Structure formats: structure tokens, C-alpha cells
Amino acid sequence: MFDCFRKAAPKKLVNIGCGSTYHPDWENYDLVPAQPEIKKIDLERSLPLPGKSYEAVYCSHVLEHLSRSRVPQVLKEFARILQPGGICRIVVPDLEQIARQYVNVLEAAKNNRTEAVYQHGWLTLELFDQMTRTWSGGFMGKWLGLAAGPIPDFISQRIGAEASRNQKPEAGEPLEFFARLFSQPEGWSAKAELEFQGSGEKHRWMYDQISLRQLMCMAGFAEIVVRRHNESNITNFVAYRLDSDSEGRPRKPDSLFMEGRAP
């Protein structure tokens, strides 16, 4: 009796490694919480969350920061905490997309097209900088911080809002720009580099839809599919704006979006 007046049970949604992008309808966790309402979690350990409890798990741009050997166990933990049939949505930088773009730009750069040479330089950083950098921000951060960084539209298309909106096209030769870009930053030291290594900022692996699908399958997920930033089997996902900005554009355009269903 009076069932029609009962409030619907709140959805059980969890965002693992949320950074500063989160929604209050979700439980939000991160290694270094950016806000008081975000709880601390360490993916190097078992998740302190109950099994078969959540309708959806969302994890964006996190797995690439973990060792390749740790990721299978993390995905098994996601499967453990999901209700049967629950959705796991994983977002990572898309190695295939970056590699295809790199090869296309490489061919144009061989013909000494100035814009393509700059694009080649940026894509090289996308492939390697976060895996090899020795200080926070690395060469990508230095590029974005230069007063007159080149190809701003191209970079915005690649990484979205993270690109500076105040950059102007470079009025100079690529050799001059890259000489400034790859100079050693002020304040660098071997001690500072050693301290940086444990910060968690670096990427430790890259994934494409084949390798990520294999890992999700090993963790027990089924119905594994590639999604767009604005589509999901998670109910009303787009409304949470986790993968989209206020205008509906992808928040991180260089991403691979994959979903699987828990057993």
C-alpha cells in the first residue's frame, strides 16, 4: 500500500579517479582528493567498497597511470563491486587515434610544410612525453606555457579544454621554436626528478580498443563495446557531463571510450 509515494532508491554510481571532474549523484574517489566531498582511494590496493553494490563504475584517464601488471586486478575489482549486469565505463588516451594522426602528419611534414612540422612535434609529445617526462607538466606543459605557442586550433582539437585559449600562431621557424621548447627548464635537478618519479603524473602504458577489450574480457566483462563521448548504457550518463563539456563537445577528444557489462 502507498507504494506509489515511496521515493525511488538512489542510484549507486561510482567514479574512480575523478580528479576535479565529478557529479554529486556519484560516489567520487581519487588518490589525492581535490575537494572535501571526494573520498580517498588507492588503486594499488583492493577497493574498500562492497561487492555487487553499484549500477555503474566510471574510470577516466586513470588506467594509463598504473603499471600494466596492476590493471587486470583493478578491472577485476570493478567487476566485483558491480551488480550483475552493471556497466563499467573506461576512458583512456586512444593509442590508435594518436598513431593514425601521427602517421598522417608525418607524411605532410616530410614535404616541409611548416604547420605539419609543428603538428608532428606536438603528436610526438602526445606519444612519449607523459611516459618519459622528468618534471611536472613536461614538454607538453612547456609548449602550452609559451607565450606564442603554434597550432592552437590543432592542439585544442587534440586535447580539448586543457589547451590554452590564449595562444597565437607562432611567427617563426620550427627550428627556433623547438630549440626553445626542448631546453632544460629552470630549477631542474636530479633530486627534483627523483621526487617527481613517484608523483603518479606519468603515463605507464597506452591502450587501444584491442588491448583494452582483452583486459576487460579477462576481468569477466561481456558485451564490450566502443562508445562515443555522448553515448552510454549508463542511464542519463550524458546529463552528468563527465565526458562532455557544457556545449556537448568531448571533454578529452583524444580518448577511447569503452563499456562492458558485469557478469
C-alpha atoms as a PDB file:
ATOM      1  CA  MET A   1       0.000   0.000   0.000  1.00  0.00           C
ATOM      2  CA  PHE A   2       1.108   3.556  -0.784  1.00  0.00           C
ATOM      3  CA  ASP A   3       3.989   2.174  -2.910  1.00  0.00           C
ATOM      4  CA  CYS A   4       3.445   4.999  -5.368  1.00  0.00           C
ATOM      5  CA  PHE A   5       4.524   7.504  -2.702  1.00  0.00           C
ATOM      6  CA  ARG A   6       7.821   5.818  -1.916  1.00  0.00           C
ATOM      7  CA  LYS A   7      10.924   7.534  -3.195  1.00  0.00           C
ATOM      8  CA  ALA A   8      12.951   5.618  -5.717  1.00  0.00           C
ATOM      9  CA  ALA A   9      16.149   4.195  -4.275  1.00  0.00           C
ATOM     10  CA  PRO A  10      19.143   6.381  -5.172  1.00  0.00           C
ATOM     11  CA  LYS A  11      21.319   5.100  -7.958  1.00  0.00           C
ATOM     12  CA  LYS A  12      24.567   3.502  -6.919  1.00  0.00           C
ATOM     13  CA  LEU A  13      27.166   5.073  -9.189  1.00  0.00           C
ATOM     14  CA  VAL A  14      30.896   5.314  -8.507  1.00  0.00           C
ATOM     15  CA  ASN A  15      33.544   7.468 -10.192  1.00  0.00           C
ATOM     16  CA  ILE A  16      37.054   6.108  -9.550  1.00  0.00           C
ATOM     17  CA  GLY A  17      39.931   8.566 -10.020  1.00  0.00           C
ATOM     18  CA  CYS A  18      37.632  11.526 -10.608  1.00  0.00           C
ATOM     19  CA  GLY A  19      40.192  14.327 -10.310  1.00  0.00           C
ATOM     20  CA  SER A  20      38.256  17.588 -10.498  1.00  0.00           C
ATOM     21  CA  THR A  21      35.554  16.208 -12.820  1.00  0.00           C
ATOM     22  CA  TYR A  22      32.731  14.689 -10.807  1.00  0.00           C
ATOM     23  CA  HIS A  23      28.986  14.826 -10.137  1.00  0.00           C
ATOM     24  CA  PRO A  24      27.252  14.781  -6.720  1.00  0.00           C
ATOM     25  CA  ASP A  25      24.948  11.924  -7.777  1.00  0.00           C
ATOM     26  CA  TRP A  26      28.015   9.691  -7.899  1.00  0.00           C
ATOM     27  CA  GLU A  27      30.332   8.446  -5.175  1.00  0.00           C
ATOM     28  CA  ASN A  28      33.611  10.104  -6.106  1.00  0.00           C
ATOM     29  CA  TYR A  29      37.072   8.801  -5.263  1.00  0.00           C
ATOM     30  CA  ASP A  30      40.624   9.847  -6.036  1.00  0.00           C
ATOM     31  CA  LEU A  31      44.127   9.194  -4.753  1.00  0.00           C
ATOM     32  CA  VAL A  32      44.527  12.908  -3.932  1.00  0.00           C
ATOM     33  CA  PRO A  33      41.015  14.326  -3.376  1.00  0.00           C
ATOM     34  CA  ALA A  34      40.584  17.772  -4.918  1.00  0.00           C
ATOM     35  CA  GLN A  35      37.520  18.605  -2.817  1.00  0.00           C
ATOM     36  CA  PRO A  36      36.242  17.616   0.655  1.00  0.00           C
ATOM     37  CA  GLU A  37      33.333  15.650  -0.822  1.00  0.00           C
ATOM     38  CA  ILE A  38      35.738  13.386  -2.741  1.00  0.00           C
ATOM     39  CA  LYS A  39      36.950  10.335  -0.828  1.00  0.00           C
ATOM     40  CA  LYS A  40      40.478   8.983  -0.935  1.00  0.00           C
ATOM     41  CA  ILE A  41      41.184   5.678  -2.677  1.00  0.00           C
ATOM     42  CA  ASP A  42      44.383   3.889  -3.715  1.00  0.00           C
ATOM     43  CA  LEU A  43      44.141   1.642  -6.770  1.00  0.00           C
ATOM     44  CA  GLU A  44      47.317  -0.128  -5.737  1.00  0.00           C
ATOM     45  CA  ARG A  45      45.170  -1.802  -3.067  1.00  0.00           C
ATOM     46  CA  SER A  46      41.856  -3.671  -3.069  1.00  0.00           C
ATOM     47  CA  LEU A  47      38.903  -1.300  -3.236  1.00  0.00           C
ATOM     48  CA  PRO A  48      37.263  -0.716   0.181  1.00  0.00           C
ATOM     49  CA  LEU A  49      33.825  -0.973  -1.449  1.00  0.00           C
ATOM     50  CA  PRO A  50      31.131  -3.641  -1.053  1.00  0.00           C
ATOM     51  CA  GLY A  51      30.682  -6.314  -3.710  1.00  0.00           C
ATOM     52  CA  LYS A  52      27.752  -6.373  -6.153  1.00  0.00           C
ATOM     53  CA  SER A  53      26.625  -2.944  -4.979  1.00  0.00           C
ATOM     54  CA  TYR A  54      26.911  -0.499  -7.887  1.00  0.00           C
ATOM     55  CA  GLU A  55      24.961   0.041 -11.081  1.00  0.00           C
ATOM     56  CA  ALA A  56      27.903   1.663 -12.839  1.00  0.00           C
ATOM     57  CA  VAL A  57      31.620   2.261 -12.459  1.00  0.00           C
ATOM     58  CA  TYR A  58      33.259   5.121 -14.350  1.00  0.00           C
ATOM     59  CA  CYS A  59      37.037   5.463 -14.588  1.00  0.00           C
ATOM     60  CA  SER A  60      38.522   8.142 -16.859  1.00  0.00           C
ATOM     61  CA  HIS A  61      42.206   8.702 -17.695  1.00  0.00           C
ATOM     62  CA  VAL A  62      43.406   6.626 -14.760  1.00  0.00           C
ATOM     63  CA  LEU A  63      44.492   3.200 -16.028  1.00  0.00           C
ATOM     64  CA  GLU A  64      47.359   4.659 -18.068  1.00  0.00           C
ATOM     65  CA  HIS A  65      48.916   5.904 -14.816  1.00  0.00           C
ATOM     66  CA  LEU A  66      49.052   2.377 -13.364  1.00  0.00           C
ATOM     67  CA  SER A  67      51.587  -0.317 -14.133  1.00  0.00           C
ATOM     68  CA  ARG A  68      50.438  -2.673 -16.884  1.00  0.00           C
ATOM     69  CA  SER A  69      50.678  -5.569 -14.422  1.00  0.00           C
ATOM     70  CA  ARG A  70      48.300  -3.871 -11.950  1.00  0.00           C
ATOM     71  CA  VAL A  71      45.481  -3.054 -14.384  1.00  0.00           C
ATOM     72  CA  PRO A  72      43.982  -6.588 -14.651  1.00  0.00           C
ATOM     73  CA  GLN A  73      43.419  -6.701 -10.897  1.00  0.00           C
ATOM     74  CA  VAL A  74      41.892  -3.206 -10.876  1.00  0.00           C
ATOM     75  CA  LEU A  75      39.399  -4.223 -13.560  1.00  0.00           C
ATOM     76  CA  LYS A  76      38.540  -7.382 -11.586  1.00  0.00           C
ATOM     77  CA  GLU A  77      37.838  -5.136  -8.597  1.00  0.00           C
ATOM     78  CA  PHE A  78      35.481  -3.054 -10.766  1.00  0.00           C
ATOM     79  CA  ALA A  79      33.678  -6.250 -11.793  1.00  0.00           C
ATOM     80  CA  ARG A  80      33.465  -7.341  -8.144  1.00  0.00           C
ATOM     81  CA  ILE A  81      31.732  -4.185  -6.905  1.00  0.00           C
ATOM     82  CA  LEU A  82      29.224  -4.033  -9.778  1.00  0.00           C
ATOM     83  CA  GLN A  83      25.776  -5.518  -9.594  1.00  0.00           C
ATOM     84  CA  PRO A  84      25.152  -8.302 -12.129  1.00  0.00           C
ATOM     85  CA  GLY A  85      24.655  -6.568 -15.462  1.00  0.00           C
ATOM     86  CA  GLY A  86      26.163  -3.311 -14.159  1.00  0.00           C
ATOM     87  CA  ILE A  87      28.124  -1.120 -16.564  1.00  0.00           C
ATOM     88  CA  CYS A  88      31.845  -0.401 -16.402  1.00  0.00           C
ATOM     89  CA  ARG A  89      32.888   2.617 -18.497  1.00  0.00           C
ATOM     90  CA  ILE A  90      36.629   3.036 -19.052  1.00  0.00           C
ATOM     91  CA  VAL A  91      38.196   6.083 -20.705  1.00  0.00           C
ATOM     92  CA  VAL A  92      41.886   6.217 -21.673  1.00  0.00           C
ATOM     93  CA  PRO A  93      44.039   8.096 -24.200  1.00  0.00           C
ATOM     94  CA  ASP A  94      43.480   6.339 -27.525  1.00  0.00           C
ATOM     95  CA  LEU A  95      46.766   4.970 -28.874  1.00  0.00           C
ATOM     96  CA  GLU A  96      45.202   4.109 -32.236  1.00  0.00           C
ATOM     97  CA  GLN A  97      43.856   7.615 -32.754  1.00  0.00           C
ATOM     98  CA  ILE A  98      47.189   9.225 -31.853  1.00  0.00           C
ATOM     99  CA  ALA A  99      49.164   6.788 -34.028  1.00  0.00           C
ATOM    100  CA  ARG A 100      46.947   7.318 -37.086  1.00  0.00           C
ATOM    101  CA  GLN A 101      47.163  11.084 -36.708  1.00  0.00           C
ATOM    102  CA  TYR A 102      50.927  10.872 -36.275  1.00  0.00           C
ATOM    103  CA  VAL A 103      51.430   8.898 -39.499  1.00  0.00           C
ATOM    104  CA  ASN A 104      49.226  11.292 -41.481  1.00  0.00           C
ATOM    105  CA  VAL A 105      51.071  14.339 -40.178  1.00  0.00           C
ATOM    106  CA  LEU A 106      54.461  12.681 -40.683  1.00  0.00           C
ATOM    107  CA  GLU A 107      53.849  12.394 -44.428  1.00  0.00           C
ATOM    108  CA  ALA A 108      52.941  16.076 -44.672  1.00  0.00           C
ATOM    109  CA  ALA A 109      55.940  17.090 -42.533  1.00  0.00           C
ATOM    110  CA  LYS A 110      58.277  15.256 -44.927  1.00  0.00           C
ATOM    111  CA  ASN A 111      57.339  17.881 -47.513  1.00  0.00           C
ATOM    112  CA  ASN A 112      58.478  20.645 -45.107  1.00  0.00           C
ATOM    113  CA  ARG A 113      55.016  22.073 -44.572  1.00  0.00           C
ATOM    114  CA  THR A 114      55.577  24.327 -41.579  1.00  0.00           C
ATOM    115  CA  GLU A 115      52.211  23.670 -39.936  1.00  0.00           C
ATOM    116  CA  ALA A 116      52.680  19.907 -40.335  1.00  0.00           C
ATOM    117  CA  VAL A 117      56.143  20.101 -38.760  1.00  0.00           C
ATOM    118  CA  TYR A 118      54.615  21.759 -35.697  1.00  0.00           C
ATOM    119  CA  GLN A 119      51.816  19.184 -35.633  1.00  0.00           C
ATOM    120  CA  HIS A 120      54.382  16.394 -35.855  1.00  0.00           C
ATOM    121  CA  GLY A 121      56.201  17.884 -32.872  1.00  0.00           C
ATOM    122  CA  TRP A 122      53.044  18.031 -30.802  1.00  0.00           C
ATOM    123  CA  LEU A 123      51.945  14.473 -31.660  1.00  0.00           C
ATOM    124  CA  THR A 124      55.393  13.178 -30.764  1.00  0.00           C
ATOM    125  CA  LEU A 125      54.867  14.707 -27.331  1.00  0.00           C
ATOM    126  CA  GLU A 126      51.437  13.071 -27.070  1.00  0.00           C
ATOM    127  CA  LEU A 127      53.038   9.693 -27.723  1.00  0.00           C
ATOM    128  CA  PHE A 128      56.069   9.999 -25.472  1.00  0.00           C
ATOM    129  CA  ASP A 129      56.127  12.997 -23.140  1.00  0.00           C
ATOM    130  CA  GLN A 130      53.904  11.715 -20.332  1.00  0.00           C
ATOM    131  CA  MET A 131      55.763   8.400 -20.345  1.00  0.00           C
ATOM    132  CA  THR A 132      59.224   9.946 -20.183  1.00  0.00           C
ATOM    133  CA  ARG A 133      58.905  13.363 -18.531  1.00  0.00           C
ATOM    134  CA  THR A 134      61.117  14.211 -15.584  1.00  0.00           C
ATOM    135  CA  TRP A 135      59.217  17.198 -14.181  1.00  0.00           C
ATOM    136  CA  SER A 136      55.563  18.128 -13.732  1.00  0.00           C
ATOM    137  CA  GLY A 137      53.908  19.173 -16.988  1.00  0.00           C
ATOM    138  CA  GLY A 138      56.858  18.022 -19.069  1.00  0.00           C
ATOM    139  CA  PHE A 139      57.436  19.388 -22.537  1.00  0.00           C
ATOM    140  CA  MET A 140      53.687  19.424 -23.216  1.00  0.00           C
ATOM    141  CA  GLY A 141      53.179  21.828 -20.341  1.00  0.00           C
ATOM    142  CA  LYS A 142      56.095  23.914 -21.516  1.00  0.00           C
ATOM    143  CA  TRP A 143      54.638  24.122 -25.041  1.00  0.00           C
ATOM    144  CA  LEU A 144      51.261  25.265 -23.673  1.00  0.00           C
ATOM    145  CA  GLY A 145      53.004  27.802 -21.443  1.00  0.00           C
ATOM    146  CA  LEU A 146      54.975  29.519 -24.184  1.00  0.00           C
ATOM    147  CA  ALA A 147      53.642  32.992 -24.886  1.00  0.00           C
ATOM    148  CA  ALA A 148      53.182  32.309 -28.600  1.00  0.00           C
ATOM    149  CA  GLY A 149      52.554  28.600 -28.953  1.00  0.00           C
ATOM    150  CA  PRO A 150      51.885  27.434 -32.519  1.00  0.00           C
ATOM    151  CA  ILE A 151      48.891  25.486 -33.950  1.00  0.00           C
ATOM    152  CA  PRO A 152      46.459  26.336 -31.128  1.00  0.00           C
ATOM    153  CA  ASP A 153      43.409  25.048 -33.024  1.00  0.00           C
ATOM    154  CA  PHE A 154      45.077  21.710 -33.727  1.00  0.00           C
ATOM    155  CA  ILE A 155      46.037  21.287 -30.074  1.00  0.00           C
ATOM    156  CA  SER A 156      42.523  22.199 -28.917  1.00  0.00           C
ATOM    157  CA  GLN A 157      41.108  19.557 -31.258  1.00  0.00           C
ATOM    158  CA  ARG A 158      43.516  17.031 -29.748  1.00  0.00           C
ATOM    159  CA  ILE A 159      43.161  17.695 -26.004  1.00  0.00           C
ATOM    160  CA  GLY A 160      40.125  19.958 -25.628  1.00  0.00           C
ATOM    161  CA  ALA A 161      39.838  22.461 -22.782  1.00  0.00           C
ATOM    162  CA  GLU A 162      43.283  21.592 -21.429  1.00  0.00           C
ATOM    163  CA  ALA A 163      44.783  23.626 -24.270  1.00  0.00           C
ATOM    164  CA  SER A 164      45.371  27.308 -23.595  1.00  0.00           C
ATOM    165  CA  ARG A 165      42.824  29.544 -25.286  1.00  0.00           C
ATOM    166  CA  ASN A 166      45.227  32.477 -25.356  1.00  0.00           C
ATOM    167  CA  GLN A 167      47.810  31.068 -27.713  1.00  0.00           C
ATOM    168  CA  LYS A 168      48.598  32.760 -31.012  1.00  0.00           C
ATOM    169  CA  PRO A 169      50.138  31.142 -34.098  1.00  0.00           C
ATOM    170  CA  GLU A 170      53.917  31.108 -33.940  1.00  0.00           C
ATOM    171  CA  ALA A 171      55.522  33.660 -36.309  1.00  0.00           C
ATOM    172  CA  GLY A 172      58.831  31.884 -36.714  1.00  0.00           C
ATOM    173  CA  GLU A 173      60.601  28.790 -37.964  1.00  0.00           C
ATOM    174  CA  PRO A 174      60.056  25.426 -36.266  1.00  0.00           C
ATOM    175  CA  LEU A 175      63.779  25.032 -35.558  1.00  0.00           C
ATOM    176  CA  GLU A 176      63.750  28.180 -33.443  1.00  0.00           C
ATOM    177  CA  PHE A 177      60.623  27.107 -31.583  1.00  0.00           C
ATOM    178  CA  PHE A 178      61.819  23.578 -30.844  1.00  0.00           C
ATOM    179  CA  ALA A 179      65.178  24.854 -29.665  1.00  0.00           C
ATOM    180  CA  ARG A 180      63.329  26.858 -27.002  1.00  0.00           C
ATOM    181  CA  LEU A 181      60.876  24.070 -26.258  1.00  0.00           C
ATOM    182  CA  PHE A 182      63.420  21.359 -25.562  1.00  0.00           C
ATOM    183  CA  SER A 183      65.775  23.417 -23.464  1.00  0.00           C
ATOM    184  CA  GLN A 184      66.109  22.234 -19.884  1.00  0.00           C
ATOM    185  CA  PRO A 185      63.663  24.027 -17.558  1.00  0.00           C
ATOM    186  CA  GLU A 186      64.931  26.341 -14.857  1.00  0.00           C
ATOM    187  CA  GLY A 187      65.138  24.770 -11.425  1.00  0.00           C
ATOM    188  CA  TRP A 188      65.538  21.215 -12.691  1.00  0.00           C
ATOM    189  CA  SER A 189      67.751  18.960 -10.623  1.00  0.00           C
ATOM    190  CA  ALA A 190      68.409  15.241 -10.299  1.00  0.00           C
ATOM    191  CA  LYS A 191      66.872  15.327  -6.820  1.00  0.00           C
ATOM    192  CA  ALA A 192      63.718  17.012  -8.114  1.00  0.00           C
ATOM    193  CA  GLU A 193      63.469  14.429 -10.896  1.00  0.00           C
ATOM    194  CA  LEU A 194      63.745  11.590  -8.390  1.00  0.00           C
ATOM    195  CA  GLU A 195      60.972  13.092  -6.269  1.00  0.00           C
ATOM    196  CA  PHE A 196      58.804  13.538  -9.356  1.00  0.00           C
ATOM    197  CA  GLN A 197      59.025   9.863 -10.333  1.00  0.00           C
ATOM    198  CA  GLY A 198      56.685   8.890  -7.507  1.00  0.00           C
ATOM    199  CA  SER A 199      54.111  11.611  -8.140  1.00  0.00           C
ATOM    200  CA  GLY A 200      51.777   9.452 -10.244  1.00  0.00           C
ATOM    201  CA  GLU A 201      51.629  12.027 -13.041  1.00  0.00           C
ATOM    202  CA  LYS A 202      53.455   9.925 -15.616  1.00  0.00           C
ATOM    203  CA  HIS A 203      51.770   7.527 -18.003  1.00  0.00           C
ATOM    204  CA  ARG A 204      52.979   3.957 -17.613  1.00  0.00           C
ATOM    205  CA  TRP A 205      51.198   2.379 -20.570  1.00  0.00           C
ATOM    206  CA  MET A 206      48.958   3.172 -23.539  1.00  0.00           C
ATOM    207  CA  TYR A 207      45.876   1.339 -24.813  1.00  0.00           C
ATOM    208  CA  ASP A 208      43.828   0.872 -27.957  1.00  0.00           C
ATOM    209  CA  GLN A 209      40.481  -0.851 -28.357  1.00  0.00           C
ATOM    210  CA  ILE A 210      42.100  -4.261 -28.883  1.00  0.00           C
ATOM    211  CA  SER A 211      44.299  -4.259 -25.776  1.00  0.00           C
ATOM    212  CA  LEU A 212      41.636  -2.679 -23.555  1.00  0.00           C
ATOM    213  CA  ARG A 213      38.988  -5.118 -24.775  1.00  0.00           C
ATOM    214  CA  GLN A 214      41.293  -8.029 -23.898  1.00  0.00           C
ATOM    215  CA  LEU A 215      41.836  -6.710 -20.379  1.00  0.00           C
ATOM    216  CA  MET A 216      38.115  -6.132 -19.797  1.00  0.00           C
ATOM    217  CA  CYS A 217      37.335  -9.609 -21.114  1.00  0.00           C
ATOM    218  CA  MET A 218      39.939 -11.135 -18.768  1.00  0.00           C
ATOM    219  CA  ALA A 219      38.212  -9.344 -15.869  1.00  0.00           C
ATOM    220  CA  GLY A 220      34.929 -11.045 -16.758  1.00  0.00           C
ATOM    221  CA  PHE A 221      33.107  -8.259 -18.597  1.00  0.00           C
ATOM    222  CA  ALA A 222      30.803  -9.090 -21.515  1.00  0.00           C
ATOM    223  CA  GLU A 223      29.172  -7.058 -24.297  1.00  0.00           C
ATOM    224  CA  ILE A 224      32.306  -4.911 -24.528  1.00  0.00           C
ATOM    225  CA  VAL A 225      31.815  -2.046 -26.993  1.00  0.00           C
ATOM    226  CA  VAL A 226      33.450   1.193 -28.084  1.00  0.00           C
ATOM    227  CA  ARG A 227      31.317   4.244 -27.313  1.00  0.00           C
ATOM    228  CA  ARG A 228      31.304   7.890 -28.285  1.00  0.00           C
ATOM    229  CA  HIS A 229      31.722  10.550 -25.608  1.00  0.00           C
ATOM    230  CA  ASN A 230      27.985  11.226 -25.664  1.00  0.00           C
ATOM    231  CA  GLU A 231      26.585   7.701 -25.679  1.00  0.00           C
ATOM    232  CA  SER A 232      26.413   5.108 -22.933  1.00  0.00           C
ATOM    233  CA  ASN A 233      24.401   2.260 -21.458  1.00  0.00           C
ATOM    234  CA  ILE A 234      24.564   4.116 -18.138  1.00  0.00           C
ATOM    235  CA  THR A 235      21.168   5.744 -17.661  1.00  0.00           C
ATOM    236  CA  ASN A 236      21.225   9.535 -18.257  1.00  0.00           C
ATOM    237  CA  PHE A 237      25.022   9.448 -18.492  1.00  0.00           C
ATOM    238  CA  VAL A 238      25.313  12.492 -20.783  1.00  0.00           C
ATOM    239  CA  ALA A 239      23.470  14.647 -18.231  1.00  0.00           C
ATOM    240  CA  TYR A 240      26.325  14.157 -15.747  1.00  0.00           C
ATOM    241  CA  ARG A 241      28.786  15.858 -18.160  1.00  0.00           C
ATOM    242  CA  LEU A 242      31.648  13.607 -17.224  1.00  0.00           C
ATOM    243  CA  ASP A 243      32.823  13.115 -20.808  1.00  0.00           C
ATOM    244  CA  SER A 244      31.235  16.215 -22.349  1.00  0.00           C
ATOM    245  CA  ASP A 245      31.634  19.929 -21.798  1.00  0.00           C
ATOM    246  CA  SER A 246      28.751  22.392 -21.381  1.00  0.00           C
ATOM    247  CA  GLU A 247      28.336  22.566 -25.177  1.00  0.00           C
ATOM    248  CA  GLY A 248      28.250  18.823 -25.655  1.00  0.00           C
ATOM    249  CA  ARG A 249      31.758  18.501 -27.045  1.00  0.00           C
ATOM    250  CA  PRO A 250      34.126  15.768 -25.832  1.00  0.00           C
ATOM    251  CA  ARG A 251      35.987  16.923 -22.731  1.00  0.00           C
ATOM    252  CA  LYS A 252      39.049  14.906 -23.750  1.00  0.00           C
ATOM    253  CA  PRO A 253      38.893  14.447 -27.541  1.00  0.00           C
ATOM    254  CA  ASP A 254      41.950  12.170 -27.644  1.00  0.00           C
ATOM    255  CA  SER A 255      40.091   9.477 -25.705  1.00  0.00           C
ATOM    256  CA  LEU A 256      38.947   5.908 -26.230  1.00  0.00           C
ATOM    257  CA  PHE A 257      35.599   5.197 -24.535  1.00  0.00           C
ATOM    258  CA  MET A 258      34.746   1.561 -23.824  1.00  0.00           C
ATOM    259  CA  GLU A 259      31.981  -0.099 -21.840  1.00  0.00           C
ATOM    260  CA  GLY A 260      31.392  -3.635 -20.649  1.00  0.00           C
ATOM    261  CA  ARG A 261      28.670  -5.361 -18.674  1.00  0.00           C
ATOM    262  CA  ALA A 262      29.451  -7.156 -15.409  1.00  0.00           C
ATOM    263  CA  PRO A 263      28.643 -10.881 -15.176  1.00  0.00           C
END
